[in-house]
Amino acid sequence: MGNAQARKRIRATDFHYLAKFTAFASNELVEEYYNKLMDKHHDGRMDKQDFIETFHLAFPNRPEDKIVKLADEIANKDGEISMANMLILFYLFCSGKTEDNLAHIFNLFDQDGNKVITVDELLNLMSVFIEIGEGKEHKVDLATVMAEMYQKGDADKNEKLELKEFTEGMLSHPVTSKILGIKTIDALLQIL
């Protein structure tokens, strides 16, 4: 997910939500750090040090050495971490309700803002989501998981997932529901 796309899709409600359910002190602080990262990393990928600092601000009780290890695990071969990955981790680890976290993830990947997730948008989301929850070298068949999750969620069979359908699909599929249950860095590192 590119920098410009991410910047367009993150909203004031996202900043408010993250401020409420992480250790960020205020909406303004979340927005300030996010904008700083977006301005510094125009391609939507940050270096590990920026990830570590930002993650530590959001979750100061998480051990620094584990955050460093997490950054090492999720960084690409160039040592970069996408903003989308960071935001998904924030939503996974924050203290908000799972359904609310999913609503923010849904909005992040609804590229055209039409309140539905298309197959292409779901592919983008699932590739990021499964990489976070299963590791870069995962053996999960992305196409199968995506098709099964889509089928579970698309209740009206219109080949689009509205938020309610997306939430149902994510909560009912064994792979995605397992990932949604990860709330500690230790649990995530065991998988990665």
N, C-alpha and C. Protein backbone atom coordinates (compact mmCIF):
# COMPACT_ATOMS: atom_id res chain seq x y z
N MET A 1 0.86 -1.17 0.00
CA MET A 1 0.00 0.00 0.00
C MET A 1 0.90 1.22 0.00
N GLY A 2 0.69 2.10 -0.95
CA GLY A 2 1.53 3.27 -1.10
C GLY A 2 1.25 4.35 -0.07
N ASN A 3 2.20 5.26 0.04
CA ASN A 3 2.14 6.35 1.00
C ASN A 3 0.95 7.26 0.75
N ALA A 4 0.75 7.65 -0.51
CA ALA A 4 -0.35 8.56 -0.83
C ALA A 4 -1.70 7.90 -0.53
N GLN A 5 -1.82 6.62 -0.87
CA GLN A 5 -3.07 5.90 -0.60
C GLN A 5 -3.34 5.85 0.90
N ALA A 6 -2.31 5.50 1.66
CA ALA A 6 -2.49 5.40 3.12
C ALA A 6 -2.84 6.75 3.71
N ARG A 7 -2.19 7.80 3.26
CA ARG A 7 -2.45 9.13 3.79
C ARG A 7 -3.90 9.53 3.54
N LYS A 8 -4.45 9.18 2.38
CA LYS A 8 -5.83 9.53 2.06
C LYS A 8 -6.82 8.75 2.92
N ARG A 9 -6.48 7.51 3.24
CA ARG A 9 -7.45 6.66 3.92
C ARG A 9 -7.43 6.76 5.44
N ILE A 10 -6.36 7.22 6.03
CA ILE A 10 -6.37 7.34 7.49
C ILE A 10 -7.13 8.62 7.84
N ARG A 11 -8.03 8.50 8.78
CA ARG A 11 -8.95 9.60 9.10
C ARG A 11 -8.77 10.05 10.54
N ALA A 12 -9.39 11.16 10.87
CA ALA A 12 -9.35 11.67 12.23
C ALA A 12 -9.88 10.63 13.21
N THR A 13 -10.87 9.86 12.79
CA THR A 13 -11.42 8.83 13.68
C THR A 13 -10.37 7.76 14.00
N ASP A 14 -9.47 7.49 13.03
CA ASP A 14 -8.39 6.53 13.29
C ASP A 14 -7.45 7.07 14.36
N PHE A 15 -7.10 8.35 14.25
CA PHE A 15 -6.21 8.96 15.26
C PHE A 15 -6.88 8.93 16.63
N HIS A 16 -8.16 9.27 16.66
CA HIS A 16 -8.90 9.26 17.92
C HIS A 16 -8.92 7.86 18.52
N TYR A 17 -9.20 6.87 17.70
CA TYR A 17 -9.28 5.48 18.16
C TYR A 17 -7.93 5.02 18.71
N LEU A 18 -6.85 5.28 17.97
CA LEU A 18 -5.53 4.86 18.44
C LEU A 18 -5.13 5.60 19.71
N ALA A 19 -5.48 6.87 19.81
CA ALA A 19 -5.17 7.61 21.04
C ALA A 19 -5.93 7.02 22.23
N LYS A 20 -7.14 6.58 21.98
CA LYS A 20 -7.98 6.04 23.06
C LYS A 20 -7.52 4.65 23.50
N PHE A 21 -7.07 3.82 22.57
CA PHE A 21 -6.79 2.42 22.89
C PHE A 21 -5.32 2.03 22.83
N THR A 22 -4.43 3.03 22.79
CA THR A 22 -2.99 2.80 22.94
C THR A 22 -2.50 3.82 23.97
N ALA A 23 -1.20 3.91 24.13
CA ALA A 23 -0.64 4.86 25.10
C ALA A 23 -0.37 6.23 24.50
N PHE A 24 -0.68 6.43 23.22
CA PHE A 24 -0.54 7.78 22.67
C PHE A 24 -1.42 8.71 23.50
N ALA A 25 -0.88 9.86 23.87
CA ALA A 25 -1.57 10.75 24.81
C ALA A 25 -2.78 11.45 24.21
N SER A 26 -2.75 11.71 22.91
CA SER A 26 -3.84 12.47 22.32
C SER A 26 -3.95 12.18 20.82
N ASN A 27 -5.08 12.57 20.26
CA ASN A 27 -5.27 12.47 18.80
C ASN A 27 -4.15 13.22 18.09
N GLU A 28 -3.85 14.40 18.61
CA GLU A 28 -2.84 15.25 17.97
C GLU A 28 -1.48 14.57 17.96
N LEU A 29 -1.12 13.88 19.04
CA LEU A 29 0.17 13.20 19.09
C LEU A 29 0.23 12.07 18.08
N VAL A 30 -0.85 11.29 17.98
CA VAL A 30 -0.89 10.21 16.99
C VAL A 30 -0.74 10.80 15.59
N GLU A 31 -1.50 11.84 15.30
CA GLU A 31 -1.46 12.45 13.98
C GLU A 31 -0.09 13.06 13.70
N GLU A 32 0.51 13.69 14.69
CA GLU A 32 1.83 14.30 14.53
C GLU A 32 2.87 13.24 14.16
N TYR A 33 2.89 12.12 14.88
CA TYR A 33 3.85 11.06 14.58
C TYR A 33 3.58 10.43 13.22
N TYR A 34 2.33 10.21 12.91
CA TYR A 34 1.97 9.62 11.63
C TYR A 34 2.41 10.53 10.48
N ASN A 35 2.09 11.81 10.58
CA ASN A 35 2.48 12.76 9.53
C ASN A 35 3.99 12.87 9.41
N LYS A 36 4.68 12.85 10.53
CA LYS A 36 6.15 12.90 10.51
C LYS A 36 6.71 11.70 9.75
N LEU A 37 6.16 10.53 10.04
CA LEU A 37 6.61 9.33 9.34
C LEU A 37 6.27 9.38 7.85
N MET A 38 5.08 9.84 7.53
CA MET A 38 4.67 9.92 6.12
C MET A 38 5.53 10.91 5.36
N ASP A 39 5.86 12.04 5.99
CA ASP A 39 6.71 13.03 5.33
C ASP A 39 8.14 12.52 5.14
N LYS A 40 8.61 11.78 6.11
CA LYS A 40 9.99 11.26 6.06
C LYS A 40 10.11 10.07 5.11
N HIS A 41 9.08 9.25 5.04
CA HIS A 41 9.12 8.02 4.25
C HIS A 41 8.04 8.08 3.17
N HIS A 42 8.35 8.75 2.08
CA HIS A 42 7.36 9.03 1.03
C HIS A 42 6.79 7.79 0.37
N ASP A 43 7.52 6.67 0.42
CA ASP A 43 7.02 5.46 -0.24
C ASP A 43 6.16 4.60 0.68
N GLY A 44 5.89 5.08 1.90
CA GLY A 44 5.05 4.33 2.83
C GLY A 44 5.79 3.24 3.58
N ARG A 45 7.12 3.22 3.49
CA ARG A 45 7.93 2.23 4.20
C ARG A 45 8.92 2.95 5.09
N MET A 46 8.93 2.58 6.36
CA MET A 46 9.81 3.25 7.33
C MET A 46 10.97 2.33 7.70
N ASP A 47 12.01 2.93 8.24
CA ASP A 47 13.11 2.12 8.73
C ASP A 47 12.74 1.50 10.07
N LYS A 48 13.50 0.50 10.46
CA LYS A 48 13.17 -0.23 11.70
C LYS A 48 13.22 0.68 12.92
N GLN A 49 14.16 1.61 12.96
CA GLN A 49 14.28 2.48 14.13
C GLN A 49 13.02 3.33 14.32
N ASP A 50 12.49 3.88 13.23
CA ASP A 50 11.25 4.66 13.34
C ASP A 50 10.09 3.79 13.80
N PHE A 51 10.04 2.56 13.30
CA PHE A 51 8.99 1.63 13.74
C PHE A 51 9.12 1.38 15.24
N ILE A 52 10.32 1.08 15.70
CA ILE A 52 10.56 0.77 17.11
C ILE A 52 10.15 1.94 17.99
N GLU A 53 10.56 3.14 17.62
CA GLU A 53 10.23 4.33 18.42
C GLU A 53 8.72 4.56 18.47
N THR A 54 8.05 4.44 17.33
CA THR A 54 6.62 4.69 17.27
C THR A 54 5.84 3.61 18.00
N PHE A 55 6.24 2.36 17.80
CA PHE A 55 5.58 1.25 18.49
C PHE A 55 5.74 1.39 20.00
N HIS A 56 6.93 1.78 20.43
CA HIS A 56 7.19 1.95 21.86
C HIS A 56 6.35 3.09 22.44
N LEU A 57 6.12 4.14 21.67
CA LEU A 57 5.23 5.21 22.14
C LEU A 57 3.80 4.73 22.32
N ALA A 58 3.35 3.91 21.39
CA ALA A 58 1.98 3.40 21.45
C ALA A 58 1.80 2.36 22.54
N PHE A 59 2.84 1.57 22.77
CA PHE A 59 2.78 0.46 23.73
C PHE A 59 4.03 0.46 24.60
N PRO A 60 4.14 1.43 25.50
CA PRO A 60 5.38 1.58 26.29
C PRO A 60 5.65 0.43 27.26
N ASN A 61 4.65 -0.38 27.57
CA ASN A 61 4.85 -1.49 28.50
C ASN A 61 5.40 -2.73 27.81
N ARG A 62 5.47 -2.71 26.49
CA ARG A 62 6.03 -3.86 25.77
C ARG A 62 7.55 -3.77 25.85
N PRO A 63 8.22 -4.87 26.17
CA PRO A 63 9.68 -4.84 26.32
C PRO A 63 10.40 -4.40 25.04
N GLU A 64 11.32 -3.48 25.21
CA GLU A 64 12.07 -2.91 24.07
C GLU A 64 12.74 -4.00 23.23
N ASP A 65 13.36 -4.98 23.89
CA ASP A 65 14.07 -6.03 23.14
C ASP A 65 13.11 -6.83 22.27
N LYS A 66 11.88 -6.99 22.73
CA LYS A 66 10.89 -7.73 21.92
C LYS A 66 10.39 -6.90 20.76
N ILE A 67 10.29 -5.59 20.95
CA ILE A 67 9.90 -4.70 19.85
C ILE A 67 10.99 -4.72 18.77
N VAL A 68 12.24 -4.71 19.19
CA VAL A 68 13.36 -4.79 18.25
C VAL A 68 13.30 -6.11 17.48
N LYS A 69 13.05 -7.19 18.19
CA LYS A 69 12.95 -8.50 17.54
C LYS A 69 11.78 -8.53 16.56
N LEU A 70 10.65 -7.94 16.95
CA LEU A 70 9.48 -7.85 16.07
C LEU A 70 9.83 -7.06 14.81
N ALA A 71 10.51 -5.94 14.98
CA ALA A 71 10.91 -5.13 13.83
C ALA A 71 11.81 -5.93 12.89
N ASP A 72 12.74 -6.68 13.46
CA ASP A 72 13.63 -7.51 12.63
C ASP A 72 12.83 -8.55 11.84
N GLU A 73 11.83 -9.12 12.49
CA GLU A 73 11.03 -10.17 11.84
C GLU A 73 10.13 -9.65 10.73
N ILE A 74 9.55 -8.47 10.91
CA ILE A 74 8.57 -8.00 9.91
C ILE A 74 9.19 -7.10 8.85
N ALA A 75 10.44 -6.70 9.03
CA ALA A 75 11.11 -5.85 8.04
C ALA A 75 11.36 -6.65 6.75
N ASN A 76 11.33 -5.94 5.63
CA ASN A 76 11.65 -6.59 4.37
C ASN A 76 13.17 -6.72 4.23
N LYS A 77 13.63 -7.22 3.10
CA LYS A 77 15.06 -7.47 2.92
C LYS A 77 15.88 -6.18 2.95
N ASP A 78 15.24 -5.04 2.73
CA ASP A 78 15.92 -3.74 2.80
C ASP A 78 15.85 -3.11 4.19
N GLY A 79 15.29 -3.85 5.14
CA GLY A 79 15.18 -3.35 6.51
C GLY A 79 14.06 -2.34 6.71
N GLU A 80 13.05 -2.39 5.83
CA GLU A 80 11.94 -1.44 5.90
C GLU A 80 10.65 -2.14 6.34
N ILE A 81 9.77 -1.36 6.96
CA ILE A 81 8.47 -1.86 7.42
C ILE A 81 7.40 -0.93 6.86
N SER A 82 6.36 -1.51 6.26
CA SER A 82 5.32 -0.66 5.67
C SER A 82 4.45 -0.03 6.75
N MET A 83 3.95 1.15 6.43
CA MET A 83 3.03 1.84 7.34
C MET A 83 1.78 1.00 7.58
N ALA A 84 1.32 0.31 6.53
CA ALA A 84 0.13 -0.54 6.67
C ALA A 84 0.38 -1.63 7.70
N ASN A 85 1.56 -2.26 7.66
CA ASN A 85 1.89 -3.29 8.65
C ASN A 85 1.88 -2.71 10.06
N MET A 86 2.46 -1.52 10.21
CA MET A 86 2.50 -0.89 11.53
C MET A 86 1.08 -0.62 12.02
N LEU A 87 0.24 -0.07 11.17
CA LEU A 87 -1.13 0.24 11.58
C LEU A 87 -1.92 -1.02 11.92
N ILE A 88 -1.76 -2.07 11.14
CA ILE A 88 -2.45 -3.32 11.46
C ILE A 88 -1.98 -3.84 12.82
N LEU A 89 -0.67 -3.78 13.07
CA LEU A 89 -0.17 -4.20 14.39
C LEU A 89 -0.77 -3.35 15.50
N PHE A 90 -0.87 -2.04 15.28
CA PHE A 90 -1.49 -1.17 16.28
C PHE A 90 -2.92 -1.62 16.57
N TYR A 91 -3.67 -1.92 15.50
CA TYR A 91 -5.05 -2.36 15.69
C TYR A 91 -5.11 -3.73 16.36
N LEU A 92 -4.18 -4.63 16.04
CA LEU A 92 -4.18 -5.95 16.67
C LEU A 92 -3.85 -5.87 18.15
N PHE A 93 -2.91 -5.02 18.51
CA PHE A 93 -2.43 -4.96 19.89
C PHE A 93 -3.17 -3.95 20.77
N CYS A 94 -3.96 -3.07 20.18
CA CYS A 94 -4.63 -2.06 21.00
C CYS A 94 -5.73 -2.72 21.83
N SER A 95 -6.22 -2.00 22.81
CA SER A 95 -7.20 -2.56 23.74
C SER A 95 -8.65 -2.40 23.28
N GLY A 96 -8.85 -1.96 22.05
CA GLY A 96 -10.21 -1.83 21.53
C GLY A 96 -10.84 -3.18 21.25
N LYS A 97 -12.14 -3.20 21.04
CA LYS A 97 -12.86 -4.43 20.72
C LYS A 97 -12.43 -4.92 19.33
N THR A 98 -12.36 -6.23 19.18
CA THR A 98 -11.92 -6.82 17.91
C THR A 98 -12.76 -6.31 16.74
N GLU A 99 -14.07 -6.22 16.90
CA GLU A 99 -14.94 -5.76 15.81
C GLU A 99 -14.60 -4.32 15.43
N ASP A 100 -14.29 -3.48 16.42
CA ASP A 100 -13.92 -2.10 16.13
C ASP A 100 -12.56 -2.03 15.45
N ASN A 101 -11.63 -2.87 15.90
CA ASN A 101 -10.31 -2.93 15.26
C ASN A 101 -10.46 -3.32 13.79
N LEU A 102 -11.33 -4.30 13.54
CA LEU A 102 -11.57 -4.74 12.16
C LEU A 102 -12.19 -3.63 11.31
N ALA A 103 -13.04 -2.81 11.91
CA ALA A 103 -13.63 -1.70 11.16
C ALA A 103 -12.55 -0.73 10.69
N HIS A 104 -11.56 -0.48 11.53
CA HIS A 104 -10.47 0.42 11.15
C HIS A 104 -9.56 -0.22 10.10
N ILE A 105 -9.32 -1.51 10.23
CA ILE A 105 -8.53 -2.22 9.21
C ILE A 105 -9.29 -2.20 7.88
N PHE A 106 -10.58 -2.44 7.93
CA PHE A 106 -11.44 -2.40 6.73
C PHE A 106 -11.29 -1.04 6.04
N ASN A 107 -11.43 0.04 6.79
CA ASN A 107 -11.35 1.39 6.21
C ASN A 107 -9.97 1.68 5.64
N LEU A 108 -8.94 1.15 6.27
CA LEU A 108 -7.57 1.37 5.79
C LEU A 108 -7.38 0.77 4.40
N PHE A 109 -8.02 -0.37 4.13
CA PHE A 109 -7.82 -1.05 2.86
C PHE A 109 -8.95 -0.81 1.84
N ASP A 110 -9.99 -0.11 2.22
CA ASP A 110 -11.05 0.26 1.28
C ASP A 110 -10.51 1.42 0.45
N GLN A 111 -9.76 1.09 -0.59
CA GLN A 111 -8.97 2.07 -1.33
C GLN A 111 -9.79 3.20 -1.94
N ASP A 112 -10.97 2.88 -2.44
CA ASP A 112 -11.76 3.92 -3.09
C ASP A 112 -12.79 4.54 -2.15
N GLY A 113 -12.84 4.07 -0.91
CA GLY A 113 -13.74 4.67 0.08
C GLY A 113 -15.21 4.41 -0.16
N ASN A 114 -15.55 3.37 -0.92
CA ASN A 114 -16.95 3.11 -1.25
C ASN A 114 -17.66 2.20 -0.25
N LYS A 115 -17.02 1.94 0.88
CA LYS A 115 -17.61 1.17 1.99
C LYS A 115 -17.78 -0.32 1.68
N VAL A 116 -17.07 -0.81 0.68
CA VAL A 116 -17.02 -2.24 0.40
C VAL A 116 -15.57 -2.61 0.07
N ILE A 117 -15.24 -3.85 0.36
CA ILE A 117 -13.92 -4.39 0.03
C ILE A 117 -14.11 -5.28 -1.20
N THR A 118 -13.40 -4.94 -2.26
CA THR A 118 -13.43 -5.74 -3.48
C THR A 118 -12.40 -6.86 -3.37
N VAL A 119 -12.39 -7.75 -4.34
CA VAL A 119 -11.43 -8.85 -4.35
C VAL A 119 -10.00 -8.31 -4.35
N ASP A 120 -9.72 -7.29 -5.16
CA ASP A 120 -8.37 -6.72 -5.22
C ASP A 120 -7.97 -6.10 -3.88
N GLU A 121 -8.88 -5.37 -3.26
CA GLU A 121 -8.59 -4.76 -1.96
C GLU A 121 -8.39 -5.83 -0.90
N LEU A 122 -9.18 -6.90 -0.97
CA LEU A 122 -9.04 -8.00 -0.02
C LEU A 122 -7.70 -8.70 -0.20
N LEU A 123 -7.26 -8.87 -1.43
CA LEU A 123 -5.96 -9.50 -1.69
C LEU A 123 -4.85 -8.68 -1.05
N ASN A 124 -4.90 -7.37 -1.21
CA ASN A 124 -3.91 -6.48 -0.62
C ASN A 124 -3.93 -6.61 0.90
N LEU A 125 -5.11 -6.56 1.48
CA LEU A 125 -5.28 -6.66 2.93
C LEU A 125 -4.79 -8.01 3.44
N MET A 126 -5.23 -9.09 2.82
CA MET A 126 -4.90 -10.43 3.31
C MET A 126 -3.42 -10.73 3.18
N SER A 127 -2.77 -10.24 2.14
CA SER A 127 -1.33 -10.49 2.02
C SER A 127 -0.57 -9.82 3.16
N VAL A 128 -0.96 -8.62 3.54
CA VAL A 128 -0.34 -7.93 4.67
C VAL A 128 -0.72 -8.63 5.97
N PHE A 129 -1.97 -8.92 6.15
CA PHE A 129 -2.48 -9.50 7.39
C PHE A 129 -1.86 -10.87 7.66
N ILE A 130 -1.82 -11.72 6.66
CA ILE A 130 -1.28 -13.07 6.84
C ILE A 130 0.23 -13.03 7.03
N GLU A 131 0.91 -12.12 6.36
CA GLU A 131 2.36 -11.99 6.57
C GLU A 131 2.64 -11.60 8.02
N ILE A 132 1.84 -10.71 8.56
CA ILE A 132 2.02 -10.31 9.97
C ILE A 132 1.75 -11.50 10.89
N GLY A 133 0.68 -12.22 10.64
CA GLY A 133 0.27 -13.28 11.55
C GLY A 133 0.92 -14.63 11.34
N GLU A 134 1.50 -14.84 10.18
CA GLU A 134 2.10 -16.15 9.89
C GLU A 134 3.58 -16.05 9.53
N GLY A 135 4.09 -14.86 9.33
CA GLY A 135 5.51 -14.69 8.99
C GLY A 135 5.72 -14.57 7.49
N LYS A 136 6.88 -14.03 7.13
CA LYS A 136 7.19 -13.82 5.71
C LYS A 136 7.32 -15.12 4.94
N GLU A 137 7.78 -16.15 5.60
CA GLU A 137 8.00 -17.44 4.94
C GLU A 137 6.81 -18.39 5.16
N HIS A 138 5.62 -17.83 5.35
CA HIS A 138 4.46 -18.65 5.67
C HIS A 138 4.14 -19.63 4.56
N LYS A 139 3.50 -20.71 4.94
CA LYS A 139 3.07 -21.75 4.00
C LYS A 139 1.57 -21.69 3.74
N VAL A 140 0.93 -20.64 4.22
CA VAL A 140 -0.51 -20.48 4.05
C VAL A 140 -0.80 -20.17 2.58
N ASP A 141 -1.75 -20.87 2.01
CA ASP A 141 -2.17 -20.60 0.65
C ASP A 141 -3.10 -19.38 0.69
N LEU A 142 -2.55 -18.24 0.32
CA LEU A 142 -3.26 -16.97 0.41
C LEU A 142 -4.56 -17.02 -0.39
N ALA A 143 -4.52 -17.57 -1.58
CA ALA A 143 -5.72 -17.62 -2.43
C ALA A 143 -6.83 -18.44 -1.77
N THR A 144 -6.46 -19.56 -1.15
CA THR A 144 -7.46 -20.41 -0.50
C THR A 144 -8.07 -19.70 0.70
N VAL A 145 -7.21 -19.14 1.56
CA VAL A 145 -7.71 -18.44 2.75
C VAL A 145 -8.61 -17.28 2.33
N MET A 146 -8.16 -16.53 1.34
CA MET A 146 -8.93 -15.39 0.88
C MET A 146 -10.29 -15.83 0.33
N ALA A 147 -10.30 -16.87 -0.50
CA ALA A 147 -11.55 -17.36 -1.08
C ALA A 147 -12.50 -17.88 0.01
N GLU A 148 -11.95 -18.63 0.97
CA GLU A 148 -12.79 -19.16 2.04
C GLU A 148 -13.35 -18.04 2.92
N MET A 149 -12.50 -17.09 3.27
CA MET A 149 -12.93 -15.98 4.10
C MET A 149 -13.98 -15.15 3.37
N TYR A 150 -13.75 -14.93 2.08
CA TYR A 150 -14.68 -14.16 1.25
C TYR A 150 -16.04 -14.87 1.19
N GLN A 151 -15.99 -16.18 1.00
CA GLN A 151 -17.22 -16.97 0.90
C GLN A 151 -17.98 -16.95 2.23
N LYS A 152 -17.25 -17.05 3.35
CA LYS A 152 -17.90 -17.02 4.67
C LYS A 152 -18.57 -15.66 4.91
N GLY A 153 -17.94 -14.60 4.44
CA GLY A 153 -18.45 -13.26 4.72
C GLY A 153 -19.50 -12.75 3.74
N ASP A 154 -19.38 -13.10 2.48
CA ASP A 154 -20.24 -12.51 1.44
C ASP A 154 -21.65 -13.12 1.49
N ALA A 155 -22.38 -12.74 2.51
CA ALA A 155 -23.72 -13.31 2.77
C ALA A 155 -24.70 -13.07 1.63
N ASP A 156 -24.64 -11.89 1.02
CA ASP A 156 -25.59 -11.58 -0.04
C ASP A 156 -25.08 -11.97 -1.43
N LYS A 157 -23.90 -12.56 -1.48
CA LYS A 157 -23.31 -13.09 -2.73
C LYS A 157 -23.23 -12.04 -3.84
N ASN A 158 -22.92 -10.79 -3.47
CA ASN A 158 -22.78 -9.74 -4.47
C ASN A 158 -21.32 -9.50 -4.86
N GLU A 159 -20.43 -10.38 -4.41
CA GLU A 159 -19.01 -10.34 -4.74
C GLU A 159 -18.30 -9.10 -4.21
N LYS A 160 -18.84 -8.54 -3.14
CA LYS A 160 -18.23 -7.42 -2.42
C LYS A 160 -18.47 -7.68 -0.94
N LEU A 161 -17.55 -7.23 -0.12
CA LEU A 161 -17.73 -7.39 1.32
C LEU A 161 -18.00 -6.03 1.95
N GLU A 162 -19.19 -5.89 2.52
CA GLU A 162 -19.45 -4.72 3.35
C GLU A 162 -18.80 -4.98 4.70
N LEU A 163 -18.73 -3.96 5.53
CA LEU A 163 -18.05 -4.08 6.81
C LEU A 163 -18.55 -5.27 7.63
N LYS A 164 -19.87 -5.42 7.73
CA LYS A 164 -20.44 -6.53 8.54
C LYS A 164 -19.99 -7.87 7.97
N GLU A 165 -20.01 -8.01 6.66
CA GLU A 165 -19.60 -9.26 6.02
C GLU A 165 -18.10 -9.51 6.21
N PHE A 166 -17.31 -8.46 6.06
CA PHE A 166 -15.87 -8.55 6.26
C PHE A 166 -15.57 -9.02 7.68
N THR A 167 -16.23 -8.40 8.66
CA THR A 167 -16.02 -8.76 10.06
C THR A 167 -16.39 -10.21 10.30
N GLU A 168 -17.54 -10.63 9.79
CA GLU A 168 -17.97 -12.02 9.94
C GLU A 168 -16.96 -12.98 9.32
N GLY A 169 -16.51 -12.68 8.13
CA GLY A 169 -15.53 -13.54 7.46
C GLY A 169 -14.22 -13.63 8.22
N MET A 170 -13.73 -12.50 8.71
CA MET A 170 -12.46 -12.48 9.44
C MET A 170 -12.58 -13.23 10.77
N LEU A 171 -13.70 -13.07 11.46
CA LEU A 171 -13.88 -13.72 12.75
C LEU A 171 -14.15 -15.22 12.62
N SER A 172 -14.74 -15.64 11.50
CA SER A 172 -15.14 -17.04 11.38
C SER A 172 -14.10 -17.92 10.69
N HIS A 173 -13.13 -17.34 10.01
CA HIS A 173 -12.12 -18.17 9.34
C HIS A 173 -11.03 -18.56 10.33
N PRO A 174 -10.61 -19.82 10.36
CA PRO A 174 -9.63 -20.25 11.37
C PRO A 174 -8.29 -19.52 11.30
N VAL A 175 -7.80 -19.21 10.12
CA VAL A 175 -6.50 -18.53 10.01
C VAL A 175 -6.61 -17.09 10.47
N THR A 176 -7.59 -16.36 9.96
CA THR A 176 -7.70 -14.95 10.32
C THR A 176 -8.14 -14.77 11.77
N SER A 177 -9.01 -15.63 12.28
CA SER A 177 -9.43 -15.49 13.67
C SER A 177 -8.27 -15.78 14.62
N LYS A 178 -7.40 -16.71 14.24
CA LYS A 178 -6.21 -16.99 15.06
C LYS A 178 -5.31 -15.75 15.13
N ILE A 179 -5.12 -15.10 14.00
CA ILE A 179 -4.29 -13.89 13.96
C ILE A 179 -4.91 -12.79 14.80
N LEU A 180 -6.22 -12.65 14.72
CA LEU A 180 -6.92 -11.62 15.51
C LEU A 180 -6.79 -11.85 17.01
N GLY A 181 -6.54 -13.08 17.41
CA GLY A 181 -6.39 -13.42 18.82
C GLY A 181 -5.01 -13.12 19.38
N ILE A 182 -4.08 -12.74 18.53
CA ILE A 182 -2.71 -12.46 18.99
C ILE A 182 -2.70 -11.09 19.65
N LYS A 183 -2.35 -11.07 20.92
CA LYS A 183 -2.34 -9.80 21.66
C LYS A 183 -1.00 -9.50 22.32
N THR A 184 -0.03 -10.40 22.19
CA THR A 184 1.29 -10.14 22.79
C THR A 184 2.37 -10.32 21.74
N ILE A 185 3.46 -9.63 21.94
CA ILE A 185 4.60 -9.77 21.02
C ILE A 185 5.15 -11.18 21.10
N ASP A 186 5.19 -11.75 22.32
CA ASP A 186 5.69 -13.12 22.46
C ASP A 186 4.90 -14.09 21.60
N ALA A 187 3.58 -13.99 21.63
CA ALA A 187 2.73 -14.87 20.85
C ALA A 187 2.99 -14.68 19.35
N LEU A 188 3.17 -13.46 18.93
CA LEU A 188 3.44 -13.16 17.52
C LEU A 188 4.82 -13.69 17.13
N LEU A 189 5.81 -13.48 17.97
CA LEU A 189 7.17 -13.94 17.66
C LEU A 189 7.26 -15.45 17.59
N GLN A 190 6.44 -16.16 18.34
CA GLN A 190 6.43 -17.62 18.26
C GLN A 190 6.01 -18.09 16.87
N ILE A 191 5.10 -17.36 16.28
CA ILE A 191 4.61 -17.70 14.93
C ILE A 191 5.64 -17.31 13.88
N LEU A 192 6.22 -16.13 14.06
CA LEU A 192 7.15 -15.61 13.06
C LEU A 192 8.44 -16.39 13.11
